[in-house]
C-alpha atoms as a PDB file:
ATOM      1  CA  MET A   1      54.737 -16.624 -86.866  1.00  0.00           C
ATOM      2  CA  LEU A   2      53.801 -18.085 -83.643  1.00  0.00           C
ATOM      3  CA  GLU A   3      50.491 -19.234 -84.926  1.00  0.00           C
ATOM      4  CA  PHE A   4      52.227 -20.733 -87.928  1.00  0.00           C
ATOM      5  CA  ALA A   5      54.419 -22.848 -85.665  1.00  0.00           C
ATOM      6  CA  LEU A   6      51.675 -24.088 -83.300  1.00  0.00           C
ATOM      7  CA  GLU A   7      49.609 -25.362 -86.422  1.00  0.00           C
ATOM      8  CA  LYS A   8      52.790 -27.130 -87.674  1.00  0.00           C
ATOM      9  CA  ILE A   9      53.207 -28.703 -84.190  1.00  0.00           C
ATOM     10  CA  SER A  10      49.711 -29.781 -83.971  1.00  0.00           C
ATOM     11  CA  THR A  11      50.094 -32.015 -87.060  1.00  0.00           C
ATOM     12  CA  LYS A  12      52.735 -33.874 -85.328  1.00  0.00           C
ATOM     13  CA  ASN A  13      50.103 -35.168 -82.720  1.00  0.00           C
ATOM     14  CA  TYR A  14      51.918 -33.603 -79.719  1.00  0.00           C
ATOM     15  CA  PRO A  15      49.275 -32.984 -76.833  1.00  0.00           C
ATOM     16  CA  LYS A  16      50.788 -29.697 -75.721  1.00  0.00           C
ATOM     17  CA  VAL A  17      53.572 -27.145 -76.407  1.00  0.00           C
ATOM     18  CA  GLY A  18      55.440 -25.277 -73.741  1.00  0.00           C
ATOM     19  CA  LEU A  19      57.543 -21.907 -73.659  1.00  0.00           C
ATOM     20  CA  TRP A  20      59.630 -19.981 -71.208  1.00  0.00           C
ATOM     21  CA  VAL A  21      58.630 -16.526 -70.633  1.00  0.00           C
ATOM     22  CA  LEU A  22      60.688 -13.795 -68.634  1.00  0.00           C
ATOM     23  CA  SER A  23      58.714 -13.473 -65.378  1.00  0.00           C
ATOM     24  CA  SER A  24      59.093  -9.539 -65.518  1.00  0.00           C
ATOM     25  CA  ASN A  25      57.799  -9.489 -69.010  1.00  0.00           C
ATOM     26  CA  GLU A  26      53.982  -8.812 -68.460  1.00  0.00           C
ATOM     27  CA  ASN A  27      53.299  -7.943 -72.111  1.00  0.00           C
ATOM     28  CA  ALA A  28      54.780 -11.147 -73.198  1.00  0.00           C
ATOM     29  CA  ILE A  29      52.832 -12.978 -70.331  1.00  0.00           C
ATOM     30  CA  HIS A  30      49.542 -11.345 -71.577  1.00  0.00           C
ATOM     31  CA  PHE A  31      50.285 -12.042 -75.084  1.00  0.00           C
ATOM     32  CA  TYR A  32      50.769 -15.890 -74.504  1.00  0.00           C
ATOM     33  CA  LYS A  33      47.867 -16.003 -72.270  1.00  0.00           C
ATOM     34  CA  LYS A  34      45.845 -14.437 -74.921  1.00  0.00           C
ATOM     35  CA  LEU A  35      46.616 -17.151 -77.329  1.00  0.00           C
ATOM     36  CA  GLY A  36      45.946 -19.779 -74.650  1.00  0.00           C
ATOM     37  CA  PHE A  37      48.933 -20.695 -72.953  1.00  0.00           C
ATOM     38  CA  SER A  38      48.771 -21.044 -69.158  1.00  0.00           C
ATOM     39  CA  ASP A  39      51.355 -20.642 -66.385  1.00  0.00           C
ATOM     40  CA  THR A  40      52.424 -23.901 -64.928  1.00  0.00           C
ATOM     41  CA  GLY A  41      53.767 -22.298 -61.739  1.00  0.00           C
ATOM     42  CA  ILE A  42      57.279 -23.770 -62.742  1.00  0.00           C
ATOM     43  CA  VAL A  43      59.781 -21.103 -62.495  1.00  0.00           C
ATOM     44  CA  LYS A  44      63.788 -21.181 -62.828  1.00  0.00           C
ATOM     45  CA  GLU A  45      66.429 -18.672 -62.452  1.00  0.00           C
ATOM     46  CA  GLU A  46      69.656 -18.420 -64.434  1.00  0.00           C
ATOM     47  CA  ASN A  47      72.738 -16.249 -63.959  1.00  0.00           C
ATOM     48  CA  LEU A  48      73.390 -14.320 -67.301  1.00  0.00           C
ATOM     49  CA  GLY A  49      75.865 -11.880 -65.620  1.00  0.00           C
ATOM     50  CA  GLU A  50      72.418 -11.038 -63.527  1.00  0.00           C
ATOM     51  CA  ILE A  51      69.721 -13.237 -62.396  1.00  0.00           C
ATOM     52  CA  ILE A  52      66.913 -13.634 -64.716  1.00  0.00           C
ATOM     53  CA  THR A  53      63.635 -15.283 -63.568  1.00  0.00           C
ATOM     54  CA  GLU A  54      61.774 -17.366 -66.084  1.00  0.00           C
ATOM     55  CA  SER A  55      58.186 -19.007 -66.003  1.00  0.00           C
ATOM     56  CA  PHE A  56      57.161 -21.938 -67.853  1.00  0.00           C
ATOM     57  CA  PHE A  57      53.781 -21.722 -69.880  1.00  0.00           C
ATOM     58  CA  THR A  58      52.069 -24.555 -71.851  1.00  0.00           C
ATOM     59  CA  LYS A  59      49.125 -24.852 -74.202  1.00  0.00           C
ATOM     60  CA  GLU A  60      47.116 -27.887 -75.087  1.00  0.00           C
ATOM     61  CA  ILE A  61      47.246 -28.590 -78.870  1.00  0.00           C
END
């Protein structure tokens, strides 16, 4: 499904796409890196009853 979305986005002439990943989710981080996403170093924390930390990843289209 993600590859389909990336293909559709590429037809819109966007230079890159980004997504947030839970910083503790090593499986997701590995998955997105395998698809060519890079960690930007941008991190945010949100309080959703507990503090969660997310990392921002981008991929050149």
